Amino acid sequence: MEPLAERECIASRDLQDKAAEIVENMTHIELSVSSMFFKEFTSALFIPHTELDQFPPHCHTGHT
């Protein structure tokens, strides 16, 4: 199946059925092949997070 715009897939019942079939037959998703996912995932492993500006202000109390 050729890559199509999301709206085309939404508008086409045949494409929705094909997507459902693919999902049902899927057994494994290799997330590490996506460099963007892998970068975000490994960055999130650092606890406590070093970029406090990503959290609401009330989470910053007691930290410098």
Foldseek 3Di string as FASTA:
>chain_A
DDDDDPVVCVVDPVSVVVVVVVVVPDDDDDQVVPVVSVVVVVQVVDPPRPPCVVDDPVVCPPHD
